[in-house]
């Protein structure tokens, strides 16, 4: 019964057109390294988070994502900076540390994921299929629920 209630509460937050489909091509360019290409991560579950430096809920959920990344080493986390300025991105990166790569989108787009608001997080299984999505700031129980769907 509790699972049903949780599902009813969060059902509207999913992105049905992508569920069960191959994740659209996307790559980011972190400040301190080579491009991270989502399609190269096939074989590894991925948490793909769309965010921006000006998005207050994005900043608020960063500790949850950082903790999730550190606590789930078998899952790759990626942060796709969305509709931001180069200065905004650089400033954000200098102020907010995180253990996973984040950067502006250099291949693909947020539109291919149907992102209409930030933050938006997509949970992609090891076969590169979108298993679930969540719009809004994640809390630890919600992140853990979705991680259980894609974790080995």
N, C-alpha and C. Protein backbone atom coordinates (compact mmCIF):
# COMPACT_ATOMS: atom_id res chain seq x y z
N UNK A 1 0.83 -1.18 0.00
CA UNK A 1 0.00 0.00 0.00
C UNK A 1 0.88 1.25 0.00
N UNK A 2 1.96 1.23 0.79
CA UNK A 2 2.87 2.37 0.85
C UNK A 2 3.51 2.62 -0.51
N UNK A 3 3.89 1.55 -1.21
CA UNK A 3 4.46 1.71 -2.55
C UNK A 3 3.46 2.33 -3.51
N UNK A 4 2.21 1.91 -3.41
CA UNK A 4 1.18 2.48 -4.27
C UNK A 4 1.02 3.97 -3.99
N UNK A 5 0.99 4.36 -2.73
CA UNK A 5 0.86 5.78 -2.38
C UNK A 5 2.05 6.56 -2.89
N UNK A 6 3.25 6.02 -2.74
CA UNK A 6 4.45 6.71 -3.22
C UNK A 6 4.37 6.87 -4.73
N UNK A 7 3.98 5.80 -5.43
CA UNK A 7 3.89 5.85 -6.89
C UNK A 7 2.85 6.84 -7.38
N UNK A 8 1.72 6.91 -6.71
CA UNK A 8 0.70 7.87 -7.10
C UNK A 8 1.17 9.30 -6.88
N UNK A 9 1.92 9.52 -5.82
CA UNK A 9 2.42 10.86 -5.52
C UNK A 9 3.46 11.29 -6.55
N UNK A 10 4.29 10.37 -7.02
CA UNK A 10 5.39 10.72 -7.91
C UNK A 10 5.15 10.39 -9.38
N UNK A 11 4.01 9.79 -9.71
CA UNK A 11 3.76 9.39 -11.09
C UNK A 11 3.79 10.57 -12.05
N UNK A 12 3.28 11.70 -11.63
CA UNK A 12 3.24 12.86 -12.52
C UNK A 12 4.61 13.46 -12.75
N UNK A 13 5.58 13.04 -12.00
CA UNK A 13 6.91 13.62 -12.12
C UNK A 13 7.78 12.88 -13.12
N UNK A 14 7.29 11.81 -13.68
CA UNK A 14 8.07 11.03 -14.64
C UNK A 14 7.92 11.63 -16.04
N UNK A 15 8.82 11.25 -16.92
CA UNK A 15 8.78 11.72 -18.30
C UNK A 15 8.43 10.52 -19.18
N UNK A 16 7.14 10.19 -19.32
CA UNK A 16 6.73 8.97 -20.00
C UNK A 16 7.29 8.78 -21.42
N UNK A 17 7.46 9.83 -22.26
CA UNK A 17 7.96 9.57 -23.61
C UNK A 17 9.33 8.89 -23.64
N UNK A 18 10.15 9.09 -22.63
CA UNK A 18 11.49 8.50 -22.63
C UNK A 18 11.57 7.18 -21.88
N UNK A 19 10.62 6.90 -21.01
CA UNK A 19 10.72 5.71 -20.17
C UNK A 19 10.82 4.44 -21.02
N UNK A 20 11.83 3.63 -20.72
CA UNK A 20 12.05 2.39 -21.44
C UNK A 20 12.80 2.55 -22.75
N UNK A 21 13.10 3.77 -23.13
CA UNK A 21 13.81 4.03 -24.39
C UNK A 21 15.29 4.28 -24.13
N UNK A 22 16.07 4.16 -25.19
CA UNK A 22 17.50 4.47 -25.10
C UNK A 22 17.67 5.95 -24.77
N UNK A 23 18.56 6.23 -23.87
CA UNK A 23 18.82 7.63 -23.49
C UNK A 23 19.36 8.40 -24.69
N UNK A 24 18.82 9.58 -24.95
CA UNK A 24 19.35 10.40 -26.05
C UNK A 24 20.84 10.72 -25.84
N UNK A 25 21.56 10.90 -26.95
CA UNK A 25 22.99 11.21 -26.89
C UNK A 25 23.19 12.53 -26.15
N UNK A 26 24.14 12.53 -25.24
CA UNK A 26 24.44 13.73 -24.47
C UNK A 26 25.89 13.65 -24.01
N UNK A 27 26.59 14.77 -24.05
CA UNK A 27 27.95 14.86 -23.51
C UNK A 27 28.08 16.20 -22.81
N UNK A 28 28.89 16.21 -21.77
CA UNK A 28 29.17 17.45 -21.02
C UNK A 28 30.66 17.71 -21.06
N UNK A 29 31.03 18.97 -20.79
CA UNK A 29 32.44 19.35 -20.76
C UNK A 29 32.77 19.91 -19.37
N UNK A 30 33.28 19.05 -18.47
CA UNK A 30 33.69 19.54 -17.16
C UNK A 30 34.86 20.52 -17.28
N UNK A 31 35.00 21.39 -16.30
CA UNK A 31 36.08 22.38 -16.31
C UNK A 31 37.45 21.73 -16.33
N UNK A 32 37.58 20.64 -15.60
CA UNK A 32 38.92 20.08 -15.39
C UNK A 32 39.16 18.76 -16.09
N UNK A 33 38.64 18.59 -17.29
CA UNK A 33 38.92 17.31 -17.93
C UNK A 33 38.24 17.14 -19.26
N UNK A 34 38.34 15.91 -19.74
CA UNK A 34 37.79 15.56 -21.04
C UNK A 34 36.27 15.47 -20.99
N UNK A 35 35.67 15.56 -22.16
CA UNK A 35 34.22 15.38 -22.28
C UNK A 35 33.79 14.09 -21.62
N UNK A 36 32.63 14.12 -21.00
CA UNK A 36 32.01 12.91 -20.48
C UNK A 36 30.82 12.63 -21.40
N UNK A 37 30.87 11.48 -22.06
CA UNK A 37 29.86 11.12 -23.05
C UNK A 37 28.98 10.03 -22.47
N UNK A 38 27.70 10.34 -22.35
CA UNK A 38 26.76 9.40 -21.76
C UNK A 38 26.78 8.05 -22.47
N UNK A 39 26.84 8.05 -23.79
CA UNK A 39 26.80 6.79 -24.54
C UNK A 39 28.02 5.92 -24.26
N UNK A 40 29.12 6.51 -23.79
CA UNK A 40 30.31 5.74 -23.44
C UNK A 40 30.17 5.04 -22.09
N UNK A 41 29.14 5.39 -21.34
CA UNK A 41 28.92 4.80 -20.02
C UNK A 41 28.03 3.57 -20.08
N UNK A 42 27.66 3.13 -21.30
CA UNK A 42 26.82 1.94 -21.42
C UNK A 42 27.49 0.80 -20.67
N UNK A 43 26.70 0.06 -19.91
CA UNK A 43 27.24 -0.99 -19.05
C UNK A 43 27.28 -0.55 -17.59
N UNK A 44 27.08 0.74 -17.37
CA UNK A 44 27.07 1.31 -16.03
C UNK A 44 25.77 2.09 -15.84
N UNK A 45 25.07 1.89 -14.72
CA UNK A 45 23.90 2.73 -14.45
C UNK A 45 24.33 4.18 -14.28
N UNK A 46 23.45 5.11 -14.69
CA UNK A 46 23.80 6.54 -14.66
C UNK A 46 22.65 7.34 -14.04
N UNK A 47 23.04 8.30 -13.22
CA UNK A 47 22.12 9.34 -12.74
C UNK A 47 22.53 10.61 -13.47
N UNK A 48 21.64 11.10 -14.32
CA UNK A 48 21.89 12.30 -15.11
C UNK A 48 21.04 13.43 -14.57
N UNK A 49 21.70 14.47 -14.04
CA UNK A 49 21.01 15.58 -13.41
C UNK A 49 21.19 16.85 -14.23
N UNK A 50 20.07 17.45 -14.65
CA UNK A 50 20.09 18.73 -15.34
C UNK A 50 19.93 19.82 -14.29
N UNK A 51 20.81 20.83 -14.32
CA UNK A 51 20.84 21.87 -13.30
C UNK A 51 21.34 23.16 -13.92
N UNK A 52 21.36 24.22 -13.13
CA UNK A 52 21.95 25.50 -13.54
C UNK A 52 22.39 26.25 -12.30
N UNK A 53 23.37 27.12 -12.47
CA UNK A 53 23.92 27.88 -11.33
C UNK A 53 22.88 28.80 -10.71
N UNK A 54 21.93 29.28 -11.48
CA UNK A 54 20.92 30.22 -10.99
C UNK A 54 19.71 29.52 -10.37
N UNK A 55 19.70 28.20 -10.37
CA UNK A 55 18.57 27.40 -9.88
C UNK A 55 18.78 27.07 -8.39
N UNK A 56 18.03 27.74 -7.53
CA UNK A 56 18.19 27.54 -6.07
C UNK A 56 17.90 26.09 -5.65
N UNK A 57 16.82 25.45 -6.15
CA UNK A 57 16.61 24.05 -5.77
C UNK A 57 17.75 23.14 -6.24
N UNK A 58 18.42 23.50 -7.33
CA UNK A 58 19.56 22.71 -7.81
C UNK A 58 20.70 22.76 -6.78
N UNK A 59 20.94 23.93 -6.25
CA UNK A 59 21.97 24.09 -5.22
C UNK A 59 21.57 23.31 -3.96
N UNK A 60 20.29 23.36 -3.61
CA UNK A 60 19.81 22.68 -2.41
C UNK A 60 19.96 21.16 -2.51
N UNK A 61 19.79 20.59 -3.71
CA UNK A 61 19.86 19.14 -3.83
C UNK A 61 21.30 18.63 -4.04
N UNK A 62 22.24 19.53 -4.27
CA UNK A 62 23.62 19.12 -4.54
C UNK A 62 24.20 18.21 -3.45
N UNK A 63 24.01 18.50 -2.15
CA UNK A 63 24.54 17.58 -1.14
C UNK A 63 23.94 16.17 -1.22
N UNK A 64 22.68 16.08 -1.60
CA UNK A 64 22.03 14.77 -1.74
C UNK A 64 22.67 14.00 -2.90
N UNK A 65 22.87 14.67 -4.03
CA UNK A 65 23.50 14.02 -5.18
C UNK A 65 24.95 13.65 -4.87
N UNK A 66 25.66 14.53 -4.20
CA UNK A 66 27.06 14.25 -3.85
C UNK A 66 27.15 13.04 -2.95
N UNK A 67 26.28 12.98 -1.94
CA UNK A 67 26.27 11.84 -1.03
C UNK A 67 25.89 10.56 -1.77
N UNK A 68 24.89 10.65 -2.65
CA UNK A 68 24.49 9.49 -3.43
C UNK A 68 25.60 8.99 -4.32
N UNK A 69 26.33 9.91 -4.93
CA UNK A 69 27.45 9.54 -5.78
C UNK A 69 28.54 8.83 -4.98
N UNK A 70 28.87 9.38 -3.84
CA UNK A 70 29.91 8.78 -2.99
C UNK A 70 29.47 7.42 -2.44
N UNK A 71 28.19 7.30 -2.13
CA UNK A 71 27.68 6.07 -1.53
C UNK A 71 27.35 4.96 -2.53
N UNK A 72 27.36 5.28 -3.81
CA UNK A 72 27.03 4.29 -4.85
C UNK A 72 28.10 4.31 -5.94
N UNK A 73 29.29 3.79 -5.65
CA UNK A 73 30.39 3.86 -6.62
C UNK A 73 30.13 3.08 -7.91
N UNK A 74 29.17 2.16 -7.92
CA UNK A 74 28.87 1.40 -9.13
C UNK A 74 27.94 2.16 -10.06
N UNK A 75 27.49 3.35 -9.65
CA UNK A 75 26.60 4.17 -10.46
C UNK A 75 27.35 5.44 -10.85
N UNK A 76 27.32 5.79 -12.13
CA UNK A 76 27.95 7.04 -12.59
C UNK A 76 26.95 8.18 -12.44
N UNK A 77 27.41 9.29 -11.91
CA UNK A 77 26.59 10.50 -11.80
C UNK A 77 27.16 11.53 -12.76
N UNK A 78 26.27 12.27 -13.42
CA UNK A 78 26.66 13.33 -14.36
C UNK A 78 25.78 14.54 -14.10
N UNK A 79 26.38 15.72 -14.12
CA UNK A 79 25.62 16.95 -14.00
C UNK A 79 25.67 17.72 -15.31
N UNK A 80 24.51 17.94 -15.93
CA UNK A 80 24.43 18.66 -17.20
C UNK A 80 23.98 20.09 -16.93
N UNK A 81 24.92 21.03 -17.03
CA UNK A 81 24.62 22.44 -16.80
C UNK A 81 23.74 22.94 -17.94
N UNK A 82 22.65 23.56 -17.57
CA UNK A 82 21.59 23.85 -18.52
C UNK A 82 21.31 25.35 -18.61
N UNK A 83 21.37 25.90 -19.81
CA UNK A 83 21.03 27.30 -20.05
C UNK A 83 21.73 28.23 -19.06
N UNK A 84 23.03 28.11 -19.00
CA UNK A 84 23.83 28.88 -18.05
C UNK A 84 24.86 29.71 -18.82
N UNK A 85 25.45 30.67 -18.14
CA UNK A 85 26.56 31.41 -18.73
C UNK A 85 27.87 30.74 -18.33
N UNK A 86 28.92 30.99 -19.08
CA UNK A 86 30.23 30.43 -18.73
C UNK A 86 30.66 30.92 -17.35
N UNK A 87 30.41 32.20 -17.06
CA UNK A 87 30.76 32.76 -15.75
C UNK A 87 29.94 32.15 -14.63
N UNK A 88 28.67 31.93 -14.88
CA UNK A 88 27.81 31.30 -13.87
C UNK A 88 28.26 29.90 -13.55
N UNK A 89 28.62 29.14 -14.59
CA UNK A 89 29.11 27.78 -14.40
C UNK A 89 30.42 27.79 -13.61
N UNK A 90 31.37 28.63 -14.02
CA UNK A 90 32.68 28.68 -13.34
C UNK A 90 32.53 29.07 -11.88
N UNK A 91 31.70 30.06 -11.62
CA UNK A 91 31.47 30.51 -10.24
C UNK A 91 30.86 29.38 -9.40
N UNK A 92 29.86 28.71 -9.97
CA UNK A 92 29.21 27.60 -9.27
C UNK A 92 30.23 26.52 -8.92
N UNK A 93 31.06 26.16 -9.90
CA UNK A 93 32.04 25.10 -9.68
C UNK A 93 33.06 25.48 -8.60
N UNK A 94 33.42 26.75 -8.51
CA UNK A 94 34.39 27.15 -7.49
C UNK A 94 33.76 27.18 -6.09
N UNK A 95 32.46 27.40 -6.02
CA UNK A 95 31.78 27.48 -4.73
C UNK A 95 31.24 26.15 -4.22
N UNK A 96 30.94 25.22 -5.13
CA UNK A 96 30.25 23.99 -4.74
C UNK A 96 31.02 22.77 -5.24
N UNK A 97 31.63 22.06 -4.30
CA UNK A 97 32.37 20.86 -4.65
C UNK A 97 31.42 19.68 -4.77
N UNK A 98 31.71 18.77 -5.69
CA UNK A 98 30.94 17.54 -5.86
C UNK A 98 31.87 16.49 -6.44
N UNK A 99 31.60 15.21 -6.13
CA UNK A 99 32.52 14.14 -6.55
C UNK A 99 32.29 13.60 -7.95
N UNK A 100 31.35 14.14 -8.67
CA UNK A 100 31.02 13.63 -10.01
C UNK A 100 31.22 14.73 -11.05
N UNK A 101 31.40 14.35 -12.31
CA UNK A 101 31.62 15.36 -13.35
C UNK A 101 30.34 16.16 -13.64
N UNK A 102 30.53 17.45 -13.86
CA UNK A 102 29.44 18.34 -14.24
C UNK A 102 30.00 19.36 -15.22
N UNK A 103 29.16 19.76 -16.14
CA UNK A 103 29.61 20.76 -17.10
C UNK A 103 28.52 21.10 -18.09
N UNK A 104 28.78 22.11 -18.90
CA UNK A 104 27.83 22.49 -19.94
C UNK A 104 27.63 21.35 -20.95
N UNK A 105 26.45 21.29 -21.51
CA UNK A 105 26.14 20.30 -22.53
C UNK A 105 26.84 20.71 -23.83
N UNK A 106 27.62 19.78 -24.40
CA UNK A 106 28.34 20.06 -25.65
C UNK A 106 27.88 19.17 -26.80
N UNK A 107 27.19 18.09 -26.48
CA UNK A 107 26.56 17.23 -27.49
C UNK A 107 25.17 16.90 -26.97
N UNK A 108 24.16 17.07 -27.82
CA UNK A 108 22.79 16.80 -27.40
C UNK A 108 22.17 18.04 -26.77
N UNK A 109 21.04 17.86 -26.12
CA UNK A 109 20.34 19.00 -25.53
C UNK A 109 19.40 18.56 -24.42
N UNK A 110 19.05 19.52 -23.59
CA UNK A 110 18.06 19.24 -22.55
C UNK A 110 16.70 18.97 -23.18
N UNK A 111 16.43 19.56 -24.34
CA UNK A 111 15.15 19.37 -25.01
C UNK A 111 14.93 17.91 -25.41
N UNK A 112 16.02 17.21 -25.76
CA UNK A 112 15.87 15.81 -26.16
C UNK A 112 15.40 14.94 -25.00
N UNK A 113 15.57 15.43 -23.78
CA UNK A 113 15.10 14.73 -22.59
C UNK A 113 13.74 15.25 -22.13
N UNK A 114 13.23 16.28 -22.78
CA UNK A 114 11.94 16.83 -22.40
C UNK A 114 11.99 17.65 -21.12
N UNK A 115 13.16 18.18 -20.78
CA UNK A 115 13.31 18.95 -19.55
C UNK A 115 12.59 20.28 -19.71
N UNK A 116 11.65 20.53 -18.81
CA UNK A 116 10.88 21.78 -18.85
C UNK A 116 11.14 22.63 -17.61
N UNK A 117 11.69 22.03 -16.58
CA UNK A 117 12.00 22.75 -15.35
C UNK A 117 13.21 22.11 -14.68
N UNK A 118 13.85 22.89 -13.84
CA UNK A 118 15.06 22.41 -13.14
C UNK A 118 14.82 22.38 -11.65
N UNK A 119 15.51 21.47 -10.98
CA UNK A 119 16.34 20.39 -11.51
C UNK A 119 15.48 19.25 -12.08
N UNK A 120 16.09 18.51 -12.96
CA UNK A 120 15.46 17.32 -13.54
C UNK A 120 16.51 16.22 -13.55
N UNK A 121 16.14 15.06 -13.07
CA UNK A 121 17.09 13.96 -12.94
C UNK A 121 16.55 12.73 -13.65
N UNK A 122 17.42 12.07 -14.42
CA UNK A 122 17.06 10.88 -15.17
C UNK A 122 17.89 9.71 -14.66
N UNK A 123 17.25 8.58 -14.52
CA UNK A 123 17.88 7.37 -14.01
C UNK A 123 17.95 6.38 -15.18
N UNK A 124 19.18 6.05 -15.57
CA UNK A 124 19.44 5.29 -16.78
C UNK A 124 20.11 3.97 -16.39
N UNK A 125 19.55 2.86 -16.87
CA UNK A 125 20.09 1.56 -16.48
C UNK A 125 21.36 1.23 -17.26
N UNK A 126 21.96 0.09 -16.96
CA UNK A 126 23.23 -0.29 -17.57
C UNK A 126 23.10 -0.57 -19.07
N UNK A 127 21.88 -0.78 -19.57
CA UNK A 127 21.66 -0.98 -21.00
C UNK A 127 21.39 0.35 -21.71
N UNK A 128 21.59 1.46 -20.99
CA UNK A 128 21.42 2.81 -21.52
C UNK A 128 19.95 3.16 -21.79
N UNK A 129 19.04 2.54 -21.02
CA UNK A 129 17.61 2.84 -21.14
C UNK A 129 17.17 3.73 -19.98
N UNK A 130 16.35 4.71 -20.29
CA UNK A 130 15.80 5.59 -19.25
C UNK A 130 14.78 4.78 -18.44
N UNK A 131 15.07 4.60 -17.18
CA UNK A 131 14.21 3.81 -16.30
C UNK A 131 13.21 4.68 -15.56
N UNK A 132 13.63 5.89 -15.20
CA UNK A 132 12.76 6.80 -14.44
C UNK A 132 13.31 8.21 -14.57
N UNK A 133 12.45 9.18 -14.23
CA UNK A 133 12.90 10.56 -14.17
C UNK A 133 12.16 11.25 -13.03
N UNK A 134 12.76 12.32 -12.56
CA UNK A 134 12.18 13.08 -11.44
C UNK A 134 12.45 14.56 -11.68
N UNK A 135 11.43 15.37 -11.56
CA UNK A 135 11.58 16.81 -11.70
C UNK A 135 11.39 17.44 -10.34
N UNK A 136 12.35 18.28 -9.95
CA UNK A 136 12.32 18.92 -8.64
C UNK A 136 13.52 18.48 -7.84
N UNK A 137 13.74 19.13 -6.69
CA UNK A 137 14.91 18.77 -5.89
C UNK A 137 14.73 17.41 -5.23
N UNK A 138 15.74 16.58 -5.37
CA UNK A 138 15.72 15.25 -4.76
C UNK A 138 16.07 15.34 -3.28
N UNK A 139 15.40 14.51 -2.48
CA UNK A 139 15.83 14.28 -1.11
C UNK A 139 16.43 12.88 -1.07
N UNK A 140 17.09 12.52 0.01
CA UNK A 140 17.79 11.24 0.08
C UNK A 140 16.86 10.03 -0.11
N UNK A 141 15.69 9.97 0.55
CA UNK A 141 14.84 8.80 0.33
C UNK A 141 14.38 8.65 -1.12
N UNK A 142 14.07 9.76 -1.78
CA UNK A 142 13.64 9.69 -3.18
C UNK A 142 14.79 9.24 -4.07
N UNK A 143 15.97 9.80 -3.86
CA UNK A 143 17.13 9.37 -4.64
C UNK A 143 17.38 7.89 -4.44
N UNK A 144 17.34 7.43 -3.21
CA UNK A 144 17.60 6.01 -2.94
C UNK A 144 16.55 5.11 -3.59
N UNK A 145 15.30 5.56 -3.61
CA UNK A 145 14.25 4.79 -4.28
C UNK A 145 14.60 4.60 -5.76
N UNK A 146 14.97 5.67 -6.43
CA UNK A 146 15.29 5.58 -7.86
C UNK A 146 16.61 4.84 -8.10
N UNK A 147 17.58 5.01 -7.22
CA UNK A 147 18.84 4.27 -7.37
C UNK A 147 18.60 2.77 -7.30
N UNK A 148 17.65 2.33 -6.47
CA UNK A 148 17.34 0.91 -6.36
C UNK A 148 16.81 0.34 -7.68
N UNK A 149 16.22 1.19 -8.51
CA UNK A 149 15.71 0.74 -9.80
C UNK A 149 16.81 0.48 -10.82
N UNK A 150 17.96 1.12 -10.66
CA UNK A 150 19.03 0.99 -11.65
C UNK A 150 20.30 0.35 -11.12
N UNK A 151 20.43 0.25 -9.81
CA UNK A 151 21.67 -0.27 -9.22
C UNK A 151 21.79 -1.78 -9.43
N UNK A 152 23.03 -2.23 -9.60
CA UNK A 152 23.25 -3.68 -9.77
C UNK A 152 22.98 -4.45 -8.50
